[in-house]
Amino acid sequence: MHKCPCCSGQLLHYVRKSGPYWFCSHCWQEMPDLASIVAAQKQKQRLERLNSSLATVTQEKELVGVGSR
């Protein structure tokens, strides 16, 4: 269940031409789906760490290859 970040009320899921959105009937406002935003940020951080690790391994392999010539 998705909760409103302002009042903790239940968010209602709606769809329109521009795409899905969440609406709080208590605040009477359209609200972001913070759970999805946080999950996307965590996945982005995991991918950045993986890319960083791969870059480090590649650099180490290059250094080892240079030293063995």
N, C-alpha and C. Protein backbone atom coordinates (compact mmCIF):
# COMPACT_ATOMS: atom_id res chain seq x y z
N MET A 1 0.84 -1.17 0.00
CA MET A 1 0.00 0.00 0.00
C MET A 1 0.89 1.24 0.00
N HIS A 2 0.57 2.18 -0.84
CA HIS A 2 1.33 3.41 -0.96
C HIS A 2 0.70 4.47 -0.06
N LYS A 3 1.56 5.18 0.67
CA LYS A 3 1.08 6.18 1.62
C LYS A 3 1.49 7.58 1.19
N CYS A 4 0.63 8.54 1.49
CA CYS A 4 0.89 9.93 1.19
C CYS A 4 2.06 10.43 2.05
N PRO A 5 3.04 11.13 1.45
CA PRO A 5 4.16 11.64 2.23
C PRO A 5 3.77 12.80 3.16
N CYS A 6 2.59 13.40 2.93
CA CYS A 6 2.16 14.53 3.76
C CYS A 6 1.31 14.09 4.95
N CYS A 7 0.32 13.23 4.69
CA CYS A 7 -0.64 12.89 5.75
C CYS A 7 -0.65 11.40 6.09
N SER A 8 0.10 10.60 5.38
CA SER A 8 0.16 9.14 5.54
C SER A 8 -1.15 8.45 5.17
N GLY A 9 -2.02 9.17 4.47
CA GLY A 9 -3.24 8.55 3.96
C GLY A 9 -2.94 7.65 2.78
N GLN A 10 -3.90 6.82 2.42
CA GLN A 10 -3.71 5.90 1.31
C GLN A 10 -3.77 6.66 -0.01
N LEU A 11 -2.79 6.40 -0.88
CA LEU A 11 -2.77 7.02 -2.20
C LEU A 11 -3.57 6.17 -3.17
N LEU A 12 -4.30 6.85 -4.03
CA LEU A 12 -5.10 6.18 -5.06
C LEU A 12 -4.32 6.24 -6.37
N HIS A 13 -4.30 5.13 -7.08
CA HIS A 13 -3.55 5.03 -8.33
C HIS A 13 -4.49 5.34 -9.49
N TYR A 14 -4.13 6.33 -10.30
CA TYR A 14 -4.92 6.73 -11.46
C TYR A 14 -4.05 6.70 -12.70
N VAL A 15 -4.72 6.64 -13.85
CA VAL A 15 -4.01 6.65 -15.13
C VAL A 15 -4.67 7.69 -16.03
N ARG A 16 -3.82 8.45 -16.72
CA ARG A 16 -4.30 9.40 -17.71
C ARG A 16 -3.42 9.27 -18.95
N LYS A 17 -3.67 10.06 -19.94
CA LYS A 17 -2.91 9.95 -21.20
C LYS A 17 -1.40 10.09 -20.98
N SER A 18 -1.00 10.98 -20.10
CA SER A 18 0.43 11.21 -19.86
C SER A 18 1.07 10.12 -19.00
N GLY A 19 0.27 9.23 -18.44
CA GLY A 19 0.81 8.12 -17.66
C GLY A 19 0.15 8.01 -16.29
N PRO A 20 0.59 7.03 -15.52
CA PRO A 20 0.00 6.80 -14.19
C PRO A 20 0.45 7.85 -13.18
N TYR A 21 -0.37 8.06 -12.18
CA TYR A 21 -0.01 8.96 -11.10
C TYR A 21 -0.75 8.55 -9.83
N TRP A 22 -0.33 9.11 -8.70
CA TRP A 22 -0.92 8.82 -7.40
C TRP A 22 -1.63 10.07 -6.90
N PHE A 23 -2.77 9.85 -6.23
CA PHE A 23 -3.58 10.96 -5.75
C PHE A 23 -4.00 10.70 -4.32
N CYS A 24 -3.86 11.70 -3.46
CA CYS A 24 -4.30 11.59 -2.06
C CYS A 24 -5.67 12.25 -1.95
N SER A 25 -6.67 11.47 -1.58
CA SER A 25 -8.02 12.02 -1.46
C SER A 25 -8.19 12.85 -0.19
N HIS A 26 -7.27 12.71 0.75
CA HIS A 26 -7.33 13.52 1.98
C HIS A 26 -6.72 14.90 1.73
N CYS A 27 -5.53 14.94 1.15
CA CYS A 27 -4.86 16.22 0.83
C CYS A 27 -5.42 16.86 -0.44
N TRP A 28 -6.08 16.02 -1.26
CA TRP A 28 -6.63 16.44 -2.54
C TRP A 28 -5.53 16.95 -3.46
N GLN A 29 -4.41 16.21 -3.46
CA GLN A 29 -3.25 16.58 -4.26
C GLN A 29 -2.69 15.36 -4.98
N GLU A 30 -2.10 15.60 -6.12
CA GLU A 30 -1.33 14.56 -6.79
C GLU A 30 -0.01 14.41 -6.04
N MET A 31 0.40 13.18 -5.80
CA MET A 31 1.59 12.92 -5.01
C MET A 31 2.57 12.03 -5.76
N PRO A 32 3.85 12.23 -5.50
CA PRO A 32 4.85 11.34 -6.11
C PRO A 32 4.82 9.98 -5.39
N ASP A 33 5.19 8.95 -6.12
CA ASP A 33 5.32 7.63 -5.52
C ASP A 33 6.75 7.53 -4.98
N LEU A 34 6.93 7.91 -3.72
CA LEU A 34 8.27 7.98 -3.14
C LEU A 34 8.94 6.62 -3.07
N ALA A 35 8.18 5.55 -2.88
CA ALA A 35 8.76 4.21 -2.83
C ALA A 35 9.45 3.88 -4.15
N SER A 36 8.82 4.21 -5.26
CA SER A 36 9.41 3.95 -6.57
C SER A 36 10.64 4.82 -6.81
N ILE A 37 10.59 6.06 -6.36
CA ILE A 37 11.73 6.96 -6.52
C ILE A 37 12.93 6.45 -5.75
N VAL A 38 12.71 6.03 -4.51
CA VAL A 38 13.80 5.51 -3.67
C VAL A 38 14.36 4.23 -4.28
N ALA A 39 13.49 3.34 -4.76
CA ALA A 39 13.96 2.09 -5.37
C ALA A 39 14.80 2.38 -6.61
N ALA A 40 14.38 3.34 -7.42
CA ALA A 40 15.14 3.70 -8.62
C ALA A 40 16.51 4.28 -8.25
N GLN A 41 16.56 5.10 -7.20
CA GLN A 41 17.83 5.68 -6.75
C GLN A 41 18.77 4.60 -6.24
N LYS A 42 18.23 3.62 -5.50
CA LYS A 42 19.07 2.52 -5.00
C LYS A 42 19.62 1.71 -6.16
N GLN A 43 18.80 1.43 -7.17
CA GLN A 43 19.28 0.67 -8.31
C GLN A 43 20.36 1.45 -9.05
N LYS A 44 20.17 2.75 -9.20
CA LYS A 44 21.17 3.58 -9.86
C LYS A 44 22.49 3.54 -9.10
N GLN A 45 22.44 3.60 -7.76
CA GLN A 45 23.65 3.54 -6.95
C GLN A 45 24.34 2.19 -7.11
N ARG A 46 23.57 1.10 -7.15
CA ARG A 46 24.16 -0.24 -7.34
C ARG A 46 24.86 -0.31 -8.69
N LEU A 47 24.23 0.21 -9.73
CA LEU A 47 24.85 0.19 -11.06
C LEU A 47 26.12 1.04 -11.10
N GLU A 48 26.09 2.18 -10.43
CA GLU A 48 27.29 3.03 -10.39
C GLU A 48 28.43 2.32 -9.67
N ARG A 49 28.13 1.62 -8.56
CA ARG A 49 29.17 0.87 -7.84
C ARG A 49 29.72 -0.25 -8.71
N LEU A 50 28.82 -0.93 -9.44
CA LEU A 50 29.26 -2.01 -10.32
C LEU A 50 30.15 -1.46 -11.43
N ASN A 51 29.76 -0.36 -12.03
CA ASN A 51 30.60 0.26 -13.07
C ASN A 51 31.95 0.68 -12.53
N SER A 52 31.96 1.22 -11.31
CA SER A 52 33.21 1.63 -10.69
C SER A 52 34.11 0.41 -10.44
N SER A 53 33.52 -0.67 -9.96
CA SER A 53 34.29 -1.89 -9.72
C SER A 53 34.86 -2.44 -11.01
N LEU A 54 34.06 -2.44 -12.06
CA LEU A 54 34.54 -2.93 -13.36
C LEU A 54 35.67 -2.05 -13.89
N ALA A 55 35.56 -0.75 -13.71
CA ALA A 55 36.62 0.15 -14.16
C ALA A 55 37.90 -0.12 -13.39
N THR A 56 37.80 -0.37 -12.09
CA THR A 56 38.98 -0.66 -11.27
C THR A 56 39.64 -1.95 -11.72
N VAL A 57 38.85 -2.98 -11.97
CA VAL A 57 39.40 -4.27 -12.42
C VAL A 57 40.08 -4.10 -13.78
N THR A 58 39.48 -3.34 -14.66
CA THR A 58 40.07 -3.10 -15.98
C THR A 58 41.40 -2.37 -15.86
N GLN A 59 41.46 -1.37 -14.99
CA GLN A 59 42.71 -0.63 -14.79
C GLN A 59 43.78 -1.53 -14.20
N GLU A 60 43.40 -2.39 -13.26
CA GLU A 60 44.38 -3.31 -12.66
C GLU A 60 44.91 -4.28 -13.69
N LYS A 61 44.04 -4.78 -14.57
CA LYS A 61 44.48 -5.72 -15.62
C LYS A 61 45.44 -5.02 -16.58
N GLU A 62 45.15 -3.77 -16.88
CA GLU A 62 46.02 -3.01 -17.78
C GLU A 62 47.40 -2.81 -17.13
N LEU A 63 47.42 -2.50 -15.84
CA LEU A 63 48.70 -2.31 -15.14
C LEU A 63 49.49 -3.60 -15.09
N VAL A 64 48.84 -4.71 -14.84
CA VAL A 64 49.53 -6.00 -14.81
C VAL A 64 50.07 -6.33 -16.20
N GLY A 65 49.28 -6.06 -17.23
CA GLY A 65 49.72 -6.31 -18.61
C GLY A 65 50.90 -5.45 -19.00
N VAL A 66 50.95 -4.20 -18.54
CA VAL A 66 52.06 -3.30 -18.83
C VAL A 66 53.33 -3.77 -18.14
N GLY A 67 53.22 -4.22 -16.91
CA GLY A 67 54.38 -4.66 -16.13
C GLY A 67 54.97 -5.95 -16.64
N SER A 68 54.22 -6.79 -17.33
CA SER A 68 54.74 -8.09 -17.77
C SER A 68 55.41 -8.01 -19.14
N ARG A 69 55.42 -6.86 -19.77
CA ARG A 69 56.03 -6.73 -21.10
C ARG A 69 57.51 -6.59 -21.02
